[in-house]
Amino acid sequence: MPNANTHLRWLWGALAVLVADQSTKEAITASLHFHQVVPLLPFFNLTLDHNTGAAFSFLADASGWQRWFFSALAIAISGVLIIWLRRLHTGALLEPLAIVFVLGGAIGNLLDRVRFGYVVDFIQVHWYAWYFPTFNVADSAITIGAALLIIDSLFSHKIHPDQA
């Protein structure tokens, strides 16, 4: 039987992701002008950007409804993730870690979207003239969490109660 209190302690990880995300966004916003590029490595820049859409600026040019749609979606996904976290069995390690990465990232971008109407992005990776879409710590956490969930589902050998 899952122990809800044990897994809810993992929420501290989501809070750590959220704090890292919001503090880096705050620092970049205070330090850079909009679209200012600061090269750090031959393939890595810092640049302040605002994304009114979703990943890869999907629906960024919509009329404004996307702000509330993506906010509602983030709230719903966060609720599902918290329920999922509560229902995990006590021995799980990779799965709750993945969930808190996604949860912290989703809430970080949600806060931006509700406060500003856009998500603050600032990490720019490129190779010569090819530029990957600018992203942030929350986006990175969501991506890492999703990858960990895939790895967990592919390589964990869970025994389900009906198989024991």
N, C-alpha and C. Protein backbone atom coordinates (compact mmCIF):
# COMPACT_ATOMS: atom_id res chain seq x y z
N MET A 1 0.85 -1.19 0.00
CA MET A 1 0.00 0.00 0.00
C MET A 1 0.88 1.24 0.00
N PRO A 2 0.57 2.20 -0.84
CA PRO A 2 1.36 3.43 -0.89
C PRO A 2 1.26 4.22 0.42
N ASN A 3 2.33 4.88 0.76
CA ASN A 3 2.35 5.75 1.93
C ASN A 3 2.41 7.19 1.42
N ALA A 4 1.26 7.87 1.48
CA ALA A 4 1.14 9.22 0.92
C ALA A 4 2.13 10.19 1.54
N ASN A 5 2.34 10.10 2.84
CA ASN A 5 3.24 11.04 3.51
C ASN A 5 4.68 10.87 3.04
N THR A 6 5.10 9.62 2.82
CA THR A 6 6.45 9.37 2.35
C THR A 6 6.68 10.04 1.01
N HIS A 7 5.76 9.87 0.10
CA HIS A 7 5.94 10.42 -1.24
C HIS A 7 5.68 11.92 -1.30
N LEU A 8 4.85 12.44 -0.44
CA LEU A 8 4.64 13.88 -0.45
C LEU A 8 5.88 14.63 0.00
N ARG A 9 6.79 13.94 0.70
CA ARG A 9 8.07 14.56 1.05
C ARG A 9 8.88 14.88 -0.20
N TRP A 10 8.62 14.17 -1.28
CA TRP A 10 9.28 14.44 -2.55
C TRP A 10 8.93 15.83 -3.06
N LEU A 11 7.83 16.41 -2.58
CA LEU A 11 7.43 17.74 -3.05
C LEU A 11 8.50 18.80 -2.76
N TRP A 12 9.38 18.52 -1.80
CA TRP A 12 10.49 19.44 -1.56
C TRP A 12 11.38 19.54 -2.79
N GLY A 13 11.48 18.44 -3.53
CA GLY A 13 12.24 18.46 -4.79
C GLY A 13 11.59 19.37 -5.81
N ALA A 14 10.26 19.30 -5.91
CA ALA A 14 9.54 20.18 -6.83
C ALA A 14 9.73 21.64 -6.42
N LEU A 15 9.73 21.89 -5.12
CA LEU A 15 9.96 23.26 -4.64
C LEU A 15 11.37 23.72 -5.00
N ALA A 16 12.36 22.85 -4.91
CA ALA A 16 13.74 23.21 -5.28
C ALA A 16 13.82 23.57 -6.76
N VAL A 17 13.16 22.79 -7.61
CA VAL A 17 13.13 23.09 -9.04
C VAL A 17 12.45 24.46 -9.26
N LEU A 18 11.34 24.67 -8.59
CA LEU A 18 10.61 25.93 -8.71
C LEU A 18 11.47 27.13 -8.29
N VAL A 19 12.15 27.01 -7.18
CA VAL A 19 13.00 28.10 -6.69
C VAL A 19 14.16 28.36 -7.67
N ALA A 20 14.79 27.29 -8.15
CA ALA A 20 15.88 27.46 -9.13
C ALA A 20 15.37 28.14 -10.39
N ASP A 21 14.20 27.72 -10.86
CA ASP A 21 13.62 28.30 -12.06
C ASP A 21 13.31 29.77 -11.87
N GLN A 22 12.57 30.09 -10.83
CA GLN A 22 12.14 31.47 -10.63
C GLN A 22 13.31 32.40 -10.31
N SER A 23 14.28 31.92 -9.56
CA SER A 23 15.42 32.79 -9.22
C SER A 23 16.30 33.06 -10.44
N THR A 24 16.48 32.07 -11.31
CA THR A 24 17.28 32.32 -12.51
C THR A 24 16.54 33.26 -13.46
N LYS A 25 15.24 33.10 -13.58
CA LYS A 25 14.46 34.00 -14.43
C LYS A 25 14.51 35.43 -13.90
N GLU A 26 14.42 35.57 -12.60
CA GLU A 26 14.48 36.89 -11.97
C GLU A 26 15.84 37.54 -12.20
N ALA A 27 16.90 36.76 -12.05
CA ALA A 27 18.26 37.29 -12.24
C ALA A 27 18.48 37.71 -13.69
N ILE A 28 18.05 36.90 -14.63
CA ILE A 28 18.22 37.23 -16.05
C ILE A 28 17.40 38.46 -16.41
N THR A 29 16.16 38.51 -15.93
CA THR A 29 15.29 39.66 -16.23
C THR A 29 15.89 40.96 -15.68
N ALA A 30 16.53 40.87 -14.52
CA ALA A 30 17.15 42.06 -13.92
C ALA A 30 18.46 42.43 -14.60
N SER A 31 19.10 41.47 -15.27
CA SER A 31 20.43 41.70 -15.83
C SER A 31 20.47 42.01 -17.31
N LEU A 32 19.50 41.50 -18.08
CA LEU A 32 19.55 41.64 -19.53
C LEU A 32 18.37 42.45 -20.05
N HIS A 33 18.60 43.09 -21.18
CA HIS A 33 17.52 43.74 -21.92
C HIS A 33 16.88 42.68 -22.80
N PHE A 34 15.63 42.91 -23.18
CA PHE A 34 14.91 41.99 -24.04
C PHE A 34 15.70 41.73 -25.32
N HIS A 35 15.93 40.48 -25.63
CA HIS A 35 16.67 39.98 -26.80
C HIS A 35 18.16 40.28 -26.78
N GLN A 36 18.68 40.80 -25.68
CA GLN A 36 20.13 40.99 -25.57
C GLN A 36 20.79 39.62 -25.53
N VAL A 37 21.86 39.43 -26.28
CA VAL A 37 22.56 38.15 -26.34
C VAL A 37 23.91 38.29 -25.63
N VAL A 38 24.16 37.37 -24.69
CA VAL A 38 25.43 37.32 -23.99
C VAL A 38 26.07 35.96 -24.27
N PRO A 39 27.06 35.91 -25.16
CA PRO A 39 27.72 34.64 -25.46
C PRO A 39 28.55 34.16 -24.26
N LEU A 40 28.38 32.90 -23.90
CA LEU A 40 29.16 32.31 -22.81
C LEU A 40 30.13 31.26 -23.33
N LEU A 41 29.70 30.49 -24.30
CA LEU A 41 30.52 29.46 -24.95
C LEU A 41 30.24 29.54 -26.45
N PRO A 42 31.05 28.91 -27.28
CA PRO A 42 30.80 29.00 -28.73
C PRO A 42 29.43 28.46 -29.17
N PHE A 43 28.77 27.73 -28.31
CA PHE A 43 27.47 27.13 -28.65
C PHE A 43 26.37 27.49 -27.66
N PHE A 44 26.65 28.40 -26.74
CA PHE A 44 25.74 28.68 -25.62
C PHE A 44 25.70 30.17 -25.31
N ASN A 45 24.48 30.73 -25.35
CA ASN A 45 24.27 32.15 -25.03
C ASN A 45 23.21 32.28 -23.94
N LEU A 46 23.23 33.41 -23.28
CA LEU A 46 22.11 33.84 -22.46
C LEU A 46 21.41 34.94 -23.25
N THR A 47 20.11 34.89 -23.32
CA THR A 47 19.34 35.93 -24.00
C THR A 47 17.93 35.96 -23.41
N LEU A 48 17.45 37.14 -23.11
CA LEU A 48 16.13 37.28 -22.51
C LEU A 48 15.06 37.24 -23.60
N ASP A 49 14.14 36.31 -23.47
CA ASP A 49 13.06 36.16 -24.43
C ASP A 49 11.76 35.91 -23.69
N HIS A 50 10.64 36.22 -24.31
CA HIS A 50 9.32 36.00 -23.73
C HIS A 50 8.52 35.11 -24.67
N ASN A 51 8.02 34.00 -24.16
CA ASN A 51 7.28 33.04 -24.97
C ASN A 51 5.82 33.03 -24.53
N THR A 52 4.93 33.53 -25.38
CA THR A 52 3.50 33.54 -25.05
C THR A 52 2.82 32.22 -25.42
N GLY A 53 3.56 31.35 -26.11
CA GLY A 53 3.00 30.06 -26.51
C GLY A 53 3.47 28.94 -25.59
N ALA A 54 3.51 27.76 -26.15
CA ALA A 54 3.98 26.57 -25.42
C ALA A 54 5.37 26.23 -25.94
N ALA A 55 5.75 24.98 -25.84
CA ALA A 55 7.06 24.54 -26.30
C ALA A 55 7.27 24.94 -27.76
N PHE A 56 8.49 25.40 -28.05
CA PHE A 56 8.87 25.83 -29.40
C PHE A 56 7.96 26.96 -29.90
N SER A 57 7.43 27.76 -28.99
CA SER A 57 6.55 28.90 -29.28
C SER A 57 5.26 28.49 -29.99
N PHE A 58 4.83 27.25 -29.78
CA PHE A 58 3.58 26.77 -30.36
C PHE A 58 2.44 27.67 -29.89
N LEU A 59 1.67 28.20 -30.80
CA LEU A 59 0.53 29.10 -30.57
C LEU A 59 0.93 30.47 -30.00
N ALA A 60 2.19 30.83 -30.14
CA ALA A 60 2.63 32.13 -29.61
C ALA A 60 1.94 33.29 -30.29
N ASP A 61 1.53 33.12 -31.52
CA ASP A 61 0.88 34.22 -32.24
C ASP A 61 -0.64 34.19 -32.14
N ALA A 62 -1.19 33.36 -31.24
CA ALA A 62 -2.64 33.33 -31.03
C ALA A 62 -3.07 34.63 -30.34
N SER A 63 -4.35 34.82 -30.21
CA SER A 63 -4.89 36.11 -29.76
C SER A 63 -4.87 36.33 -28.24
N GLY A 64 -4.33 35.43 -27.47
CA GLY A 64 -4.26 35.60 -26.02
C GLY A 64 -4.94 34.50 -25.23
N TRP A 65 -5.84 33.76 -25.85
CA TRP A 65 -6.54 32.68 -25.17
C TRP A 65 -5.57 31.59 -24.71
N GLN A 66 -4.43 31.46 -25.40
CA GLN A 66 -3.49 30.40 -25.08
C GLN A 66 -2.91 30.56 -23.68
N ARG A 67 -2.82 31.79 -23.19
CA ARG A 67 -2.32 32.03 -21.83
C ARG A 67 -3.14 31.25 -20.82
N TRP A 68 -4.45 31.36 -20.92
CA TRP A 68 -5.33 30.72 -19.94
C TRP A 68 -5.48 29.23 -20.23
N PHE A 69 -5.43 28.85 -21.49
CA PHE A 69 -5.48 27.43 -21.83
C PHE A 69 -4.28 26.69 -21.26
N PHE A 70 -3.07 27.23 -21.50
CA PHE A 70 -1.86 26.57 -21.00
C PHE A 70 -1.77 26.65 -19.47
N SER A 71 -2.33 27.70 -18.88
CA SER A 71 -2.36 27.80 -17.41
C SER A 71 -3.28 26.72 -16.84
N ALA A 72 -4.47 26.56 -17.41
CA ALA A 72 -5.39 25.52 -16.95
C ALA A 72 -4.79 24.13 -17.15
N LEU A 73 -4.13 23.94 -18.27
CA LEU A 73 -3.49 22.65 -18.55
C LEU A 73 -2.40 22.35 -17.51
N ALA A 74 -1.60 23.35 -17.17
CA ALA A 74 -0.54 23.17 -16.17
C ALA A 74 -1.12 22.85 -14.80
N ILE A 75 -2.22 23.49 -14.44
CA ILE A 75 -2.87 23.21 -13.16
C ILE A 75 -3.39 21.78 -13.14
N ALA A 76 -4.04 21.36 -14.21
CA ALA A 76 -4.58 20.00 -14.29
C ALA A 76 -3.46 18.96 -14.24
N ILE A 77 -2.40 19.19 -15.00
CA ILE A 77 -1.27 18.25 -15.00
C ILE A 77 -0.62 18.20 -13.62
N SER A 78 -0.49 19.34 -12.97
CA SER A 78 0.11 19.37 -11.63
C SER A 78 -0.73 18.56 -10.65
N GLY A 79 -2.04 18.69 -10.73
CA GLY A 79 -2.93 17.91 -9.87
C GLY A 79 -2.78 16.42 -10.11
N VAL A 80 -2.73 16.03 -11.37
CA VAL A 80 -2.55 14.61 -11.71
C VAL A 80 -1.20 14.11 -11.18
N LEU A 81 -0.15 14.91 -11.31
CA LEU A 81 1.17 14.50 -10.84
C LEU A 81 1.20 14.32 -9.32
N ILE A 82 0.53 15.19 -8.60
CA ILE A 82 0.49 15.07 -7.13
C ILE A 82 -0.27 13.81 -6.73
N ILE A 83 -1.38 13.52 -7.40
CA ILE A 83 -2.12 12.29 -7.12
C ILE A 83 -1.26 11.07 -7.44
N TRP A 84 -0.58 11.10 -8.58
CA TRP A 84 0.30 10.01 -8.99
C TRP A 84 1.39 9.80 -7.93
N LEU A 85 1.97 10.89 -7.47
CA LEU A 85 3.03 10.82 -6.45
C LEU A 85 2.51 10.18 -5.17
N ARG A 86 1.31 10.55 -4.77
CA ARG A 86 0.71 9.99 -3.54
C ARG A 86 0.49 8.49 -3.64
N ARG A 87 0.22 7.99 -4.84
CA ARG A 87 -0.14 6.59 -5.03
C ARG A 87 1.05 5.67 -5.28
N LEU A 88 2.24 6.22 -5.35
CA LEU A 88 3.41 5.39 -5.59
C LEU A 88 3.72 4.51 -4.39
N HIS A 89 4.32 3.38 -4.66
CA HIS A 89 4.75 2.50 -3.57
C HIS A 89 6.02 3.04 -2.96
N THR A 90 6.24 2.74 -1.70
CA THR A 90 7.30 3.33 -0.90
C THR A 90 8.69 3.14 -1.49
N GLY A 91 8.97 2.03 -2.13
CA GLY A 91 10.31 1.76 -2.64
C GLY A 91 10.68 2.49 -3.92
N ALA A 92 9.75 3.18 -4.54
CA ALA A 92 10.02 3.85 -5.82
C ALA A 92 11.00 5.00 -5.62
N LEU A 93 11.96 5.12 -6.52
CA LEU A 93 12.92 6.21 -6.45
C LEU A 93 12.96 7.05 -7.73
N LEU A 94 13.14 6.40 -8.86
CA LEU A 94 13.26 7.14 -10.11
C LEU A 94 11.94 7.79 -10.51
N GLU A 95 10.85 7.08 -10.32
CA GLU A 95 9.54 7.60 -10.71
C GLU A 95 9.16 8.87 -9.94
N PRO A 96 9.28 8.89 -8.60
CA PRO A 96 8.94 10.15 -7.91
C PRO A 96 9.91 11.28 -8.24
N LEU A 97 11.17 10.95 -8.48
CA LEU A 97 12.13 11.98 -8.88
C LEU A 97 11.71 12.61 -10.21
N ALA A 98 11.31 11.76 -11.15
CA ALA A 98 10.84 12.25 -12.45
C ALA A 98 9.60 13.13 -12.28
N ILE A 99 8.69 12.69 -11.46
CA ILE A 99 7.44 13.43 -11.25
C ILE A 99 7.72 14.81 -10.67
N VAL A 100 8.63 14.91 -9.69
CA VAL A 100 8.88 16.22 -9.09
C VAL A 100 9.61 17.15 -10.04
N PHE A 101 10.43 16.62 -10.94
CA PHE A 101 11.05 17.46 -11.96
C PHE A 101 9.98 18.07 -12.86
N VAL A 102 9.06 17.24 -13.34
CA VAL A 102 8.00 17.73 -14.21
C VAL A 102 7.09 18.70 -13.45
N LEU A 103 6.74 18.35 -12.23
CA LEU A 103 5.86 19.19 -11.42
C LEU A 103 6.47 20.56 -11.14
N GLY A 104 7.72 20.58 -10.70
CA GLY A 104 8.39 21.86 -10.42
C GLY A 104 8.49 22.73 -11.66
N GLY A 105 8.81 22.11 -12.79
CA GLY A 105 8.90 22.85 -14.04
C GLY A 105 7.55 23.38 -14.50
N ALA A 106 6.53 22.55 -14.38
CA ALA A 106 5.19 22.98 -14.80
C ALA A 106 4.71 24.16 -13.96
N ILE A 107 4.95 24.10 -12.67
CA ILE A 107 4.52 25.20 -11.79
C ILE A 107 5.35 26.46 -12.06
N GLY A 108 6.65 26.30 -12.34
CA GLY A 108 7.49 27.46 -12.66
C GLY A 108 6.99 28.21 -13.88
N ASN A 109 6.68 27.47 -14.94
CA ASN A 109 6.17 28.13 -16.14
C ASN A 109 4.75 28.65 -15.93
N LEU A 110 3.97 27.96 -15.12
CA LEU A 110 2.62 28.42 -14.80
C LEU A 110 2.67 29.79 -14.10
N LEU A 111 3.56 29.93 -13.13
CA LEU A 111 3.67 31.21 -12.43
C LEU A 111 3.99 32.34 -13.39
N ASP A 112 4.91 32.11 -14.31
CA ASP A 112 5.23 33.14 -15.30
C ASP A 112 4.00 33.50 -16.13
N ARG A 113 3.34 32.46 -16.61
CA ARG A 113 2.20 32.67 -17.51
C ARG A 113 1.10 33.47 -16.81
N VAL A 114 0.83 33.16 -15.55
CA VAL A 114 -0.22 33.87 -14.81
C VAL A 114 0.22 35.30 -14.47
N ARG A 115 1.46 35.46 -14.04
CA ARG A 115 1.95 36.79 -13.64
C ARG A 115 2.18 37.73 -14.82
N PHE A 116 2.77 37.21 -15.90
CA PHE A 116 3.22 38.08 -16.98
C PHE A 116 2.45 37.90 -18.30
N GLY A 117 1.82 36.77 -18.47
CA GLY A 117 1.19 36.46 -19.75
C GLY A 117 2.13 35.78 -20.72
N TYR A 118 3.32 35.51 -20.28
CA TYR A 118 4.34 34.82 -21.09
C TYR A 118 5.29 34.09 -20.15
N VAL A 119 6.10 33.21 -20.73
CA VAL A 119 7.11 32.48 -19.98
C VAL A 119 8.46 33.11 -20.30
N VAL A 120 9.25 33.37 -19.27
CA VAL A 120 10.59 33.94 -19.44
C VAL A 120 11.54 32.82 -19.85
N ASP A 121 12.17 32.99 -21.00
CA ASP A 121 13.19 32.05 -21.49
C ASP A 121 14.51 32.78 -21.60
N PHE A 122 15.62 32.04 -21.43
CA PHE A 122 16.91 32.73 -21.49
C PHE A 122 18.08 31.84 -21.89
N ILE A 123 17.91 30.56 -22.02
CA ILE A 123 19.00 29.66 -22.40
C ILE A 123 18.93 29.44 -23.91
N GLN A 124 20.00 29.79 -24.58
CA GLN A 124 20.03 29.66 -26.04
C GLN A 124 21.22 28.78 -26.43
N VAL A 125 20.91 27.67 -27.07
CA VAL A 125 21.93 26.73 -27.54
C VAL A 125 21.92 26.78 -29.06
N HIS A 126 23.12 26.80 -29.66
CA HIS A 126 23.18 26.86 -31.12
C HIS A 126 24.41 26.12 -31.63
N TRP A 127 24.35 25.81 -32.89
CA TRP A 127 25.48 25.22 -33.59
C TRP A 127 25.62 25.98 -34.89
N TYR A 128 26.66 26.78 -34.99
CA TYR A 128 26.84 27.69 -36.12
C TYR A 128 25.59 28.53 -36.30
N ALA A 129 24.89 28.42 -37.42
CA ALA A 129 23.71 29.26 -37.67
C ALA A 129 22.40 28.60 -37.24
N TRP A 130 22.46 27.39 -36.70
CA TRP A 130 21.25 26.69 -36.27
C TRP A 130 21.02 26.97 -34.79
N TYR A 131 19.88 27.54 -34.46
CA TYR A 131 19.55 27.89 -33.08
C TYR A 131 18.37 27.06 -32.59
N PHE A 132 18.59 26.36 -31.49
CA PHE A 132 17.50 25.66 -30.83
C PHE A 132 16.62 26.71 -30.17
N PRO A 133 15.30 26.49 -30.06
CA PRO A 133 14.44 27.48 -29.40
C PRO A 133 14.92 27.77 -27.96
N THR A 134 14.88 29.03 -27.59
CA THR A 134 15.31 29.46 -26.27
C THR A 134 14.43 28.81 -25.21
N PHE A 135 15.02 28.42 -24.08
CA PHE A 135 14.29 27.72 -23.03
C PHE A 135 14.77 28.19 -21.66
N ASN A 136 14.30 27.54 -20.60
CA ASN A 136 14.62 27.96 -19.23
C ASN A 136 14.82 26.73 -18.33
N VAL A 137 15.03 26.96 -17.06
CA VAL A 137 15.26 25.88 -16.10
C VAL A 137 14.03 24.99 -15.99
N ALA A 138 12.84 25.58 -15.99
CA ALA A 138 11.60 24.80 -15.89
C ALA A 138 11.47 23.85 -17.08
N ASP A 139 11.74 24.36 -18.28
CA ASP A 139 11.68 23.52 -19.48
C ASP A 139 12.68 22.37 -19.37
N SER A 140 13.88 22.67 -18.87
CA SER A 140 14.90 21.63 -18.70
C SER A 140 14.43 20.57 -17.71
N ALA A 141 13.84 21.01 -16.61
CA ALA A 141 13.35 20.08 -15.59
C ALA A 141 12.24 19.19 -16.16
N ILE A 142 11.33 19.77 -16.92
CA ILE A 142 10.25 18.99 -17.53
C ILE A 142 10.83 17.94 -18.47
N THR A 143 11.82 18.34 -19.28
CA THR A 143 12.44 17.42 -20.22
C THR A 143 13.18 16.29 -19.49
N ILE A 144 13.93 16.64 -18.46
CA ILE A 144 14.64 15.62 -17.67
C ILE A 144 13.64 14.69 -17.00
N GLY A 145 12.58 15.25 -16.42
CA GLY A 145 11.56 14.42 -15.78
C GLY A 145 10.89 13.47 -16.76
N ALA A 146 10.56 13.97 -17.94
CA ALA A 146 9.94 13.11 -18.95
C ALA A 146 10.89 11.99 -19.38
N ALA A 147 12.16 12.33 -19.55
CA ALA A 147 13.16 11.31 -19.92
C ALA A 147 13.30 10.26 -18.82
N LEU A 148 13.30 10.70 -17.57
CA LEU A 148 13.39 9.76 -16.44
C LEU A 148 12.17 8.85 -16.39
N LEU A 149 10.99 9.39 -16.69
CA LEU A 149 9.78 8.55 -16.72
C LEU A 149 9.88 7.49 -17.82
N ILE A 150 10.41 7.88 -18.96
CA ILE A 150 10.58 6.92 -20.06
C ILE A 150 11.59 5.85 -19.66
N ILE A 151 12.72 6.26 -19.10
CA ILE A 151 13.73 5.30 -18.65
C ILE A 151 13.15 4.36 -17.60
N ASP A 152 12.41 4.93 -16.65
CA ASP A 152 11.80 4.11 -15.60
C ASP A 152 10.82 3.09 -16.19
N SER A 153 10.02 3.53 -17.14
CA SER A 153 9.04 2.60 -17.72
C SER A 153 9.70 1.53 -18.57
N LEU A 154 10.83 1.84 -19.18
CA LEU A 154 11.51 0.86 -20.03
C LEU A 154 12.35 -0.13 -19.25
N PHE A 155 12.97 0.33 -18.17
CA PHE A 155 13.97 -0.50 -17.50
C PHE A 155 13.61 -0.96 -16.10
N SER A 156 12.54 -0.47 -15.54
CA SER A 156 12.17 -0.96 -14.20
C SER A 156 11.38 -2.25 -14.36
N HIS A 157 11.57 -3.12 -13.44
CA HIS A 157 10.88 -4.42 -13.46
C HIS A 157 9.93 -4.46 -12.29
N LYS A 158 8.87 -3.70 -12.42
CA LYS A 158 7.89 -3.61 -11.35
C LYS A 158 7.06 -4.88 -11.30
N ILE A 159 6.79 -5.32 -10.11
CA ILE A 159 5.89 -6.45 -9.92
C ILE A 159 4.55 -5.88 -9.47
N HIS A 160 3.54 -6.08 -10.26
CA HIS A 160 2.22 -5.60 -9.93
C HIS A 160 1.53 -6.61 -9.03
N PRO A 161 0.65 -6.16 -8.13
CA PRO A 161 -0.02 -7.08 -7.19
C PRO A 161 -0.69 -8.26 -7.89
N ASP A 162 -1.22 -8.08 -9.08
CA ASP A 162 -1.90 -9.19 -9.76
C ASP A 162 -0.92 -10.18 -10.39
N GLN A 163 0.39 -9.84 -10.38
CA GLN A 163 1.40 -10.75 -10.95
C GLN A 163 2.16 -11.49 -9.87
N ALA A 164 1.99 -11.13 -8.63
CA ALA A 164 2.75 -11.73 -7.53
C ALA A 164 2.27 -13.12 -7.19
